[in-house]
C-alpha atoms as a PDB file:
ATOM      1  CA  UNK A   1     -25.788 -31.685  54.960  1.00  0.00           C
ATOM      2  CA  UNK A   2     -24.454 -28.250  55.621  1.00  0.00           C
ATOM      3  CA  UNK A   3     -20.872 -29.666  55.481  1.00  0.00           C
ATOM      4  CA  UNK A   4     -21.283 -31.223  52.004  1.00  0.00           C
ATOM      5  CA  UNK A   5     -22.828 -28.050  50.656  1.00  0.00           C
ATOM      6  CA  UNK A   6     -19.923 -26.081  52.104  1.00  0.00           C
ATOM      7  CA  UNK A   7     -17.463 -28.510  50.498  1.00  0.00           C
ATOM      8  CA  UNK A   8     -19.140 -28.102  47.098  1.00  0.00           C
ATOM      9  CA  UNK A   9     -19.038 -24.354  47.474  1.00  0.00           C
ATOM     10  CA  UNK A  10     -15.333 -24.466  48.424  1.00  0.00           C
ATOM     11  CA  UNK A  11     -14.595 -26.721  45.416  1.00  0.00           C
ATOM     12  CA  UNK A  12     -16.542 -24.377  43.130  1.00  0.00           C
ATOM     13  CA  UNK A  13     -14.598 -21.397  44.466  1.00  0.00           C
ATOM     14  CA  UNK A  14     -11.282 -23.226  43.985  1.00  0.00           C
ATOM     15  CA  UNK A  15     -12.321 -24.154  40.447  1.00  0.00           C
ATOM     16  CA  UNK A  16     -13.214 -20.508  39.685  1.00  0.00           C
ATOM     17  CA  UNK A  17      -9.898 -19.399  41.151  1.00  0.00           C
ATOM     18  CA  UNK A  18      -8.006 -21.913  38.989  1.00  0.00           C
ATOM     19  CA  UNK A  19      -9.908 -20.790  35.864  1.00  0.00           C
ATOM     20  CA  UNK A  20      -9.126 -17.143  36.615  1.00  0.00           C
ATOM     21  CA  UNK A  21      -5.445 -17.892  37.274  1.00  0.00           C
ATOM     22  CA  UNK A  22      -5.219 -20.107  34.155  1.00  0.00           C
ATOM     23  CA  UNK A  23      -6.881 -17.426  32.032  1.00  0.00           C
ATOM     24  CA  UNK A  24      -4.587 -14.744  33.436  1.00  0.00           C
ATOM     25  CA  UNK A  25      -1.476 -16.852  32.798  1.00  0.00           C
ATOM     26  CA  UNK A  26      -2.653 -17.722  29.287  1.00  0.00           C
ATOM     27  CA  UNK A  27      -3.254 -14.061  28.470  1.00  0.00           C
ATOM     28  CA  UNK A  28       0.127 -13.130  29.952  1.00  0.00           C
ATOM     29  CA  UNK A  29       1.896 -15.777  27.862  1.00  0.00           C
ATOM     30  CA  UNK A  30       0.074 -14.649  24.710  1.00  0.00           C
ATOM     31  CA  UNK A  31       1.035 -11.041  25.414  1.00  0.00           C
ATOM     32  CA  UNK A  32       4.678 -11.962  25.976  1.00  0.00           C
ATOM     33  CA  UNK A  33       4.844 -14.042  22.790  1.00  0.00           C
ATOM     34  CA  UNK A  34       3.178 -11.290  20.777  1.00  0.00           C
ATOM     35  CA  UNK A  35       5.555  -8.733  22.245  1.00  0.00           C
ATOM     36  CA  UNK A  36       8.570 -10.912  21.491  1.00  0.00           C
ATOM     37  CA  UNK A  37       7.559 -11.365  17.860  1.00  0.00           C
ATOM     38  CA  UNK A  38       5.933  -8.061  16.905  1.00  0.00           C
ATOM     39  CA  UNK A  39       7.238  -5.646  19.534  1.00  0.00           C
ATOM     40  CA  UNK A  40       9.659  -2.766  19.089  1.00  0.00           C
ATOM     41  CA  UNK A  41      12.594  -5.058  19.812  1.00  0.00           C
ATOM     42  CA  UNK A  42      10.898  -8.219  18.635  1.00  0.00           C
ATOM     43  CA  UNK A  43      11.885 -11.008  16.317  1.00  0.00           C
ATOM     44  CA  UNK A  44      10.668  -9.279  13.149  1.00  0.00           C
ATOM     45  CA  UNK A  45      12.717  -6.177  13.934  1.00  0.00           C
ATOM     46  CA  UNK A  46      15.734  -8.382  14.669  1.00  0.00           C
ATOM     47  CA  UNK A  47      15.407 -10.152  11.320  1.00  0.00           C
ATOM     48  CA  UNK A  48      15.140  -6.841   9.455  1.00  0.00           C
ATOM     49  CA  UNK A  49      18.211  -5.499  11.243  1.00  0.00           C
ATOM     50  CA  UNK A  50      20.116  -8.706  10.532  1.00  0.00           C
ATOM     51  CA  UNK A  51      19.316  -8.390   6.823  1.00  0.00           C
ATOM     52  CA  UNK A  52      20.324  -4.715   6.834  1.00  0.00           C
ATOM     53  CA  UNK A  53      23.600  -5.638   8.542  1.00  0.00           C
ATOM     54  CA  UNK A  54      24.345  -8.197   5.826  1.00  0.00           C
ATOM     55  CA  UNK A  55      23.621  -5.589   3.147  1.00  0.00           C
ATOM     56  CA  UNK A  56      25.867  -3.052   4.862  1.00  0.00           C
ATOM     57  CA  UNK A  57      28.713  -5.571   5.220  1.00  0.00           C
ATOM     58  CA  UNK A  58      28.414  -6.389   1.525  1.00  0.00           C
ATOM     59  CA  UNK A  59      28.460  -2.692   0.658  1.00  0.00           C
ATOM     60  CA  UNK A  60      31.501  -2.138   2.883  1.00  0.00           C
ATOM     61  CA  UNK A  61      33.300  -5.019   1.185  1.00  0.00           C
ATOM     62  CA  UNK A  62      32.533  -3.518  -2.233  1.00  0.00           C
ATOM     63  CA  UNK A  63      33.818  -0.126  -1.112  1.00  0.00           C
ATOM     64  CA  UNK A  64      36.981  -1.683   0.315  1.00  0.00           C
ATOM     65  CA  UNK A  65      37.662  -3.433  -2.999  1.00  0.00           C
ATOM     66  CA  UNK A  66      37.107  -0.185  -4.882  1.00  0.00           C
ATOM     67  CA  UNK A  67      39.346   1.629  -2.415  1.00  0.00           C
ATOM     68  CA  UNK A  68      42.104  -0.946  -2.955  1.00  0.00           C
ATOM     69  CA  UNK A  69      41.860  -0.526  -6.740  1.00  0.00           C
ATOM     70  CA  UNK A  70      42.013   3.257  -6.417  1.00  0.00           C
ATOM     71  CA  UNK A  71      45.057   3.040  -4.135  1.00  0.00           C
ATOM     72  CA  UNK A  72      46.795   0.822  -6.687  1.00  0.00           C
ATOM     73  CA  UNK A  73      45.961   3.284  -9.435  1.00  0.00           C
ATOM     74  CA  UNK A  74      47.266   6.210  -7.393  1.00  0.00           C
ATOM     75  CA  UNK A  75      50.433   4.279  -6.695  1.00  0.00           C
ATOM     76  CA  UNK A  76      50.909   3.587 -10.400  1.00  0.00           C
ATOM     77  CA  UNK A  77      50.194   7.219 -11.284  1.00  0.00           C
ATOM     78  CA  UNK A  78      52.861   8.340  -8.832  1.00  0.00           C
ATOM     79  CA  UNK A  79      55.552   5.909  -9.846  1.00  0.00           C
ATOM     80  CA  UNK A  80      54.993   4.466 -13.347  1.00  0.00           C
ATOM     81  CA  UNK A  81      55.563   6.914 -16.227  1.00  0.00           C
ATOM     82  CA  UNK A  82      54.307   4.369 -18.785  1.00  0.00           C
ATOM     83  CA  UNK A  83      51.003   4.085 -16.933  1.00  0.00           C
ATOM     84  CA  UNK A  84      50.692   7.882 -16.839  1.00  0.00           C
ATOM     85  CA  UNK A  85      51.294   8.027 -20.585  1.00  0.00           C
ATOM     86  CA  UNK A  86      48.745   5.272 -21.213  1.00  0.00           C
ATOM     87  CA  UNK A  87      46.081   7.076 -19.151  1.00  0.00           C
ATOM     88  CA  UNK A  88      46.810  10.391 -20.857  1.00  0.00           C
ATOM     89  CA  UNK A  89      46.458   8.771 -24.276  1.00  0.00           C
ATOM     90  CA  UNK A  90      43.201   7.006 -23.364  1.00  0.00           C
ATOM     91  CA  UNK A  91      41.391   9.687 -21.399  1.00  0.00           C
ATOM     92  CA  UNK A  92      42.736  12.931 -22.808  1.00  0.00           C
ATOM     93  CA  UNK A  93      43.324  11.726 -26.381  1.00  0.00           C
ATOM     94  CA  UNK A  94      46.901  12.931 -26.256  1.00  0.00           C
ATOM     95  CA  UNK A  95      49.546  11.810 -28.694  1.00  0.00           C
ATOM     96  CA  UNK A  96      53.215  12.197 -29.384  1.00  0.00           C
ATOM     97  CA  UNK A  97      54.296  14.875 -31.889  1.00  0.00           C
ATOM     98  CA  UNK A  98      54.803  12.358 -34.695  1.00  0.00           C
ATOM     99  CA  UNK A  99      51.530  10.448 -34.161  1.00  0.00           C
ATOM    100  CA  UNK A 100      48.042  10.885 -35.551  1.00  0.00           C
ATOM    101  CA  UNK A 101      44.841   9.958 -33.764  1.00  0.00           C
ATOM    102  CA  UNK A 102      41.895   8.736 -35.790  1.00  0.00           C
ATOM    103  CA  UNK A 103      38.369   8.782 -34.414  1.00  0.00           C
ATOM    104  CA  UNK A 104      35.739   6.509 -35.891  1.00  0.00           C
ATOM    105  CA  UNK A 105      32.058   7.081 -35.477  1.00  0.00           C
ATOM    106  CA  UNK A 106      30.486   3.966 -34.024  1.00  0.00           C
ATOM    107  CA  UNK A 107      27.009   5.485 -33.731  1.00  0.00           C
ATOM    108  CA  UNK A 108      27.235   6.128 -29.983  1.00  0.00           C
ATOM    109  CA  UNK A 109      27.871   9.843 -30.385  1.00  0.00           C
ATOM    110  CA  UNK A 110      31.189   9.604 -28.566  1.00  0.00           C
ATOM    111  CA  UNK A 111      34.575  10.144 -30.226  1.00  0.00           C
END
């Protein structure tokens, strides 16, 4: 009789130990998953940084295209006298001595 009671007590203790270990492991796994998703270096932060990287790469590409256009313009300004004349006529409203420039009011307030 004493042996069967002891066995039941041992089984009950083992069951309690398993429940405690299972609970501890479950809580540990939940903590790790939560940390991986919402933590300082978690999945959400990674996704935000990935999106920011894509935006920055797009911005860099735009700036590189603009830079290329400006380099071409500088090259033309240094070497092409016809381009220089065209720019002077358009931006500075310059003309040759025998030419007249007419400005029409289109309602925008600009000449």
